[in-house]
Amino acid sequence: MPASSAAYRCSHSLARWRELGGHREWALGAVMGAVSCWMCFARGDPRRRQVALYAGMAAAFVVYPIPAGKFWPYHWLPMSYWFVMCASLGVA
């Protein structure tokens, strides 16, 4: 397939995105930390909104490299930061 075809670009972007820049372990820790912290706080607690904010930022930066089609290591740094923040919620 020529490198300029839309199908190639789409399949390449999807394959590279699934790798999460080599941060899959942090993704698991982030989900576990955010969910465990979310369950600890009652509905309406401001800390629960903060957990939602952290999870939302992590989700936004997971999607960030896709439209650009750029998967260099430094493009994953914001995502890894928010993954670590979400994982640290499980320790707190």
N, C-alpha and C. Protein backbone atom coordinates (compact mmCIF):
# COMPACT_ATOMS: atom_id res chain seq x y z
N MET A 1 0.83 -1.18 0.00
CA MET A 1 0.00 0.00 0.00
C MET A 1 0.88 1.25 0.00
N PRO A 2 0.58 2.21 -0.83
CA PRO A 2 1.37 3.43 -0.81
C PRO A 2 1.17 4.18 0.51
N ALA A 3 2.23 4.82 0.94
CA ALA A 3 2.20 5.51 2.24
C ALA A 3 1.21 6.67 2.27
N SER A 4 0.78 7.13 1.13
CA SER A 4 -0.11 8.28 1.09
C SER A 4 -1.59 7.91 1.12
N SER A 5 -1.93 6.63 1.05
CA SER A 5 -3.34 6.27 1.00
C SER A 5 -3.99 6.45 2.37
N ALA A 6 -5.26 6.79 2.34
CA ALA A 6 -6.01 7.04 3.57
C ALA A 6 -6.15 5.77 4.40
N ALA A 7 -6.32 4.64 3.76
CA ALA A 7 -6.47 3.38 4.49
C ALA A 7 -5.17 3.03 5.23
N TYR A 8 -4.04 3.28 4.59
CA TYR A 8 -2.75 3.01 5.24
C TYR A 8 -2.56 3.92 6.44
N ARG A 9 -2.86 5.20 6.26
CA ARG A 9 -2.71 6.16 7.36
C ARG A 9 -3.61 5.80 8.53
N CYS A 10 -4.82 5.39 8.24
CA CYS A 10 -5.76 5.01 9.30
C CYS A 10 -5.27 3.77 10.04
N SER A 11 -4.86 2.76 9.30
CA SER A 11 -4.41 1.52 9.95
C SER A 11 -3.12 1.76 10.73
N HIS A 12 -2.22 2.57 10.19
CA HIS A 12 -0.98 2.88 10.89
C HIS A 12 -1.27 3.66 12.18
N SER A 13 -2.14 4.65 12.11
CA SER A 13 -2.48 5.44 13.29
C SER A 13 -3.13 4.58 14.36
N LEU A 14 -4.01 3.69 13.96
CA LEU A 14 -4.69 2.83 14.92
C LEU A 14 -3.71 1.85 15.57
N ALA A 15 -2.80 1.30 14.79
CA ALA A 15 -1.82 0.36 15.33
C ALA A 15 -0.87 1.06 16.30
N ARG A 16 -0.42 2.23 15.96
CA ARG A 16 0.49 2.97 16.85
C ARG A 16 -0.22 3.46 18.10
N TRP A 17 -1.51 3.83 17.96
CA TRP A 17 -2.28 4.32 19.10
C TRP A 17 -2.49 3.19 20.12
N ARG A 18 -2.74 1.98 19.63
CA ARG A 18 -2.95 0.85 20.55
C ARG A 18 -1.74 0.58 21.44
N GLU A 19 -0.57 0.96 20.99
CA GLU A 19 0.64 0.76 21.79
C GLU A 19 0.71 1.73 22.97
N LEU A 20 -0.01 2.83 22.91
CA LEU A 20 -0.02 3.88 23.94
C LEU A 20 1.39 4.36 24.28
N GLY A 21 2.24 4.38 23.29
CA GLY A 21 3.59 4.87 23.50
C GLY A 21 4.40 4.05 24.49
N GLY A 22 4.01 2.81 24.70
CA GLY A 22 4.73 1.95 25.64
C GLY A 22 4.29 2.15 27.09
N HIS A 23 3.15 2.79 27.30
CA HIS A 23 2.69 3.09 28.65
C HIS A 23 1.45 2.28 29.04
N ARG A 24 1.32 1.09 28.53
CA ARG A 24 0.14 0.28 28.84
C ARG A 24 0.02 -0.04 30.32
N GLU A 25 1.13 -0.29 30.98
CA GLU A 25 1.10 -0.62 32.41
C GLU A 25 0.54 0.54 33.21
N TRP A 26 0.93 1.76 32.83
CA TRP A 26 0.40 2.92 33.53
C TRP A 26 -1.09 3.09 33.26
N ALA A 27 -1.55 2.67 32.09
CA ALA A 27 -2.97 2.76 31.79
C ALA A 27 -3.77 1.89 32.75
N LEU A 28 -3.29 0.69 33.01
CA LEU A 28 -3.97 -0.20 33.95
C LEU A 28 -3.95 0.41 35.35
N GLY A 29 -2.81 0.91 35.78
CA GLY A 29 -2.72 1.55 37.09
C GLY A 29 -3.60 2.77 37.21
N ALA A 30 -3.70 3.53 36.13
CA ALA A 30 -4.54 4.73 36.13
C ALA A 30 -6.01 4.37 36.28
N VAL A 31 -6.44 3.36 35.57
CA VAL A 31 -7.85 2.94 35.67
C VAL A 31 -8.14 2.42 37.07
N MET A 32 -7.25 1.59 37.59
CA MET A 32 -7.47 1.03 38.93
C MET A 32 -7.47 2.13 39.99
N GLY A 33 -6.54 3.07 39.91
CA GLY A 33 -6.48 4.16 40.88
C GLY A 33 -7.69 5.06 40.82
N ALA A 34 -8.11 5.44 39.62
CA ALA A 34 -9.25 6.34 39.48
C ALA A 34 -10.55 5.67 39.93
N VAL A 35 -10.73 4.41 39.57
CA VAL A 35 -11.97 3.72 39.95
C VAL A 35 -12.03 3.50 41.46
N SER A 36 -10.92 3.08 42.05
CA SER A 36 -10.93 2.85 43.50
C SER A 36 -11.17 4.15 44.27
N CYS A 37 -10.59 5.23 43.81
CA CYS A 37 -10.80 6.51 44.47
C CYS A 37 -12.23 7.03 44.23
N TRP A 38 -12.75 6.82 43.05
CA TRP A 38 -14.11 7.25 42.70
C TRP A 38 -15.12 6.58 43.62
N MET A 39 -14.90 5.29 43.89
CA MET A 39 -15.84 4.54 44.71
C MET A 39 -15.78 4.94 46.19
N CYS A 40 -14.67 5.52 46.62
CA CYS A 40 -14.52 5.90 48.04
C CYS A 40 -15.30 7.15 48.40
N PHE A 41 -15.51 8.03 47.45
CA PHE A 41 -16.14 9.31 47.76
C PHE A 41 -17.63 9.26 47.47
N ALA A 42 -18.40 9.97 48.29
CA ALA A 42 -19.85 10.02 48.12
C ALA A 42 -20.22 10.92 46.95
N ARG A 43 -21.41 10.72 46.45
CA ARG A 43 -21.91 11.56 45.36
C ARG A 43 -21.98 13.01 45.84
N GLY A 44 -21.53 13.92 45.01
CA GLY A 44 -21.55 15.34 45.35
C GLY A 44 -20.30 15.81 46.06
N ASP A 45 -19.41 14.92 46.42
CA ASP A 45 -18.15 15.30 47.07
C ASP A 45 -17.24 15.97 46.04
N PRO A 46 -16.67 17.14 46.38
CA PRO A 46 -15.79 17.82 45.42
C PRO A 46 -14.57 16.99 45.01
N ARG A 47 -14.13 16.11 45.89
CA ARG A 47 -12.99 15.26 45.54
C ARG A 47 -13.35 14.28 44.42
N ARG A 48 -14.62 13.92 44.34
CA ARG A 48 -15.06 13.03 43.27
C ARG A 48 -14.98 13.75 41.91
N ARG A 49 -15.29 15.04 41.93
CA ARG A 49 -15.16 15.82 40.69
C ARG A 49 -13.70 15.93 40.27
N GLN A 50 -12.81 16.00 41.25
CA GLN A 50 -11.39 16.07 40.93
C GLN A 50 -10.92 14.77 40.30
N VAL A 51 -11.42 13.64 40.79
CA VAL A 51 -11.08 12.35 40.17
C VAL A 51 -11.58 12.32 38.74
N ALA A 52 -12.80 12.82 38.52
CA ALA A 52 -13.35 12.86 37.16
C ALA A 52 -12.51 13.77 36.26
N LEU A 53 -12.03 14.87 36.80
CA LEU A 53 -11.17 15.77 36.03
C LEU A 53 -9.88 15.07 35.62
N TYR A 54 -9.24 14.39 36.56
CA TYR A 54 -8.00 13.67 36.25
C TYR A 54 -8.24 12.61 35.19
N ALA A 55 -9.31 11.85 35.34
CA ALA A 55 -9.62 10.80 34.36
C ALA A 55 -9.94 11.40 33.00
N GLY A 56 -10.64 12.53 32.99
CA GLY A 56 -10.95 13.20 31.74
C GLY A 56 -9.72 13.73 31.03
N MET A 57 -8.79 14.27 31.80
CA MET A 57 -7.55 14.74 31.20
C MET A 57 -6.73 13.58 30.64
N ALA A 58 -6.70 12.47 31.37
CA ALA A 58 -5.98 11.29 30.86
C ALA A 58 -6.62 10.82 29.56
N ALA A 59 -7.95 10.78 29.52
CA ALA A 59 -8.65 10.33 28.31
C ALA A 59 -8.39 11.29 27.14
N ALA A 60 -8.38 12.58 27.43
CA ALA A 60 -8.14 13.56 26.37
C ALA A 60 -6.74 13.40 25.77
N PHE A 61 -5.76 13.13 26.61
CA PHE A 61 -4.41 13.00 26.10
C PHE A 61 -4.11 11.62 25.53
N VAL A 62 -5.00 10.66 25.76
CA VAL A 62 -4.89 9.38 25.06
C VAL A 62 -5.26 9.59 23.60
N VAL A 63 -6.24 10.43 23.36
CA VAL A 63 -6.73 10.69 22.00
C VAL A 63 -5.85 11.70 21.26
N TYR A 64 -5.14 12.53 22.00
CA TYR A 64 -4.36 13.64 21.44
C TYR A 64 -3.46 13.28 20.25
N PRO A 65 -2.69 12.20 20.26
CA PRO A 65 -1.79 11.94 19.13
C PRO A 65 -2.50 11.46 17.85
N ILE A 66 -3.73 10.99 17.96
CA ILE A 66 -4.40 10.40 16.80
C ILE A 66 -4.65 11.41 15.69
N PRO A 67 -5.31 12.55 15.94
CA PRO A 67 -5.55 13.47 14.82
C PRO A 67 -4.26 13.98 14.17
N ALA A 68 -3.24 14.16 14.97
CA ALA A 68 -1.98 14.65 14.44
C ALA A 68 -1.24 13.56 13.67
N GLY A 69 -1.47 12.31 14.04
CA GLY A 69 -0.76 11.21 13.40
C GLY A 69 0.71 11.18 13.79
N LYS A 70 1.03 11.81 14.90
CA LYS A 70 2.42 11.87 15.38
C LYS A 70 2.53 11.00 16.62
N PHE A 71 3.42 10.03 16.58
CA PHE A 71 3.54 9.08 17.68
C PHE A 71 4.97 9.03 18.23
N TRP A 72 5.67 10.14 18.17
CA TRP A 72 7.00 10.19 18.74
C TRP A 72 6.88 10.16 20.27
N PRO A 73 7.91 9.73 20.95
CA PRO A 73 7.81 9.55 22.41
C PRO A 73 7.35 10.78 23.17
N TYR A 74 7.78 11.95 22.78
CA TYR A 74 7.38 13.14 23.54
C TYR A 74 5.91 13.51 23.37
N HIS A 75 5.25 12.96 22.39
CA HIS A 75 3.81 13.21 22.23
C HIS A 75 2.99 12.46 23.28
N TRP A 76 3.59 11.47 23.91
CA TRP A 76 2.89 10.69 24.93
C TRP A 76 3.15 11.22 26.33
N LEU A 77 4.00 12.20 26.50
CA LEU A 77 4.33 12.70 27.84
C LEU A 77 3.13 13.27 28.60
N PRO A 78 2.27 14.09 27.98
CA PRO A 78 1.11 14.57 28.74
C PRO A 78 0.20 13.42 29.20
N MET A 79 0.03 12.41 28.35
CA MET A 79 -0.79 11.27 28.73
C MET A 79 -0.17 10.52 29.90
N SER A 80 1.13 10.31 29.86
CA SER A 80 1.77 9.57 30.94
C SER A 80 1.70 10.36 32.25
N TYR A 81 1.77 11.67 32.19
CA TYR A 81 1.61 12.49 33.39
C TYR A 81 0.25 12.25 34.03
N TRP A 82 -0.81 12.30 33.24
CA TRP A 82 -2.14 12.11 33.80
C TRP A 82 -2.39 10.67 34.20
N PHE A 83 -1.75 9.72 33.53
CA PHE A 83 -1.82 8.33 33.99
C PHE A 83 -1.22 8.19 35.38
N VAL A 84 -0.08 8.81 35.60
CA VAL A 84 0.56 8.74 36.92
C VAL A 84 -0.31 9.44 37.96
N MET A 85 -0.92 10.54 37.60
CA MET A 85 -1.81 11.25 38.55
C MET A 85 -2.99 10.36 38.93
N CYS A 86 -3.59 9.70 37.96
CA CYS A 86 -4.72 8.81 38.25
C CYS A 86 -4.28 7.60 39.05
N ALA A 87 -3.13 7.05 38.75
CA ALA A 87 -2.63 5.90 39.50
C ALA A 87 -2.33 6.30 40.94
N SER A 88 -1.85 7.52 41.14
CA SER A 88 -1.53 7.95 42.50
C SER A 88 -2.78 8.14 43.35
N LEU A 89 -3.93 8.30 42.72
CA LEU A 89 -5.17 8.40 43.49
C LEU A 89 -5.46 7.12 44.26
N GLY A 90 -5.04 6.00 43.70
CA GLY A 90 -5.25 4.73 44.39
C GLY A 90 -4.37 4.57 45.61
N VAL A 91 -3.28 5.32 45.67
CA VAL A 91 -2.37 5.24 46.81
C VAL A 91 -2.84 6.17 47.93
N ALA A 92 -3.47 7.27 47.52
CA ALA A 92 -3.88 8.30 48.51
C ALA A 92 -4.99 7.82 49.42
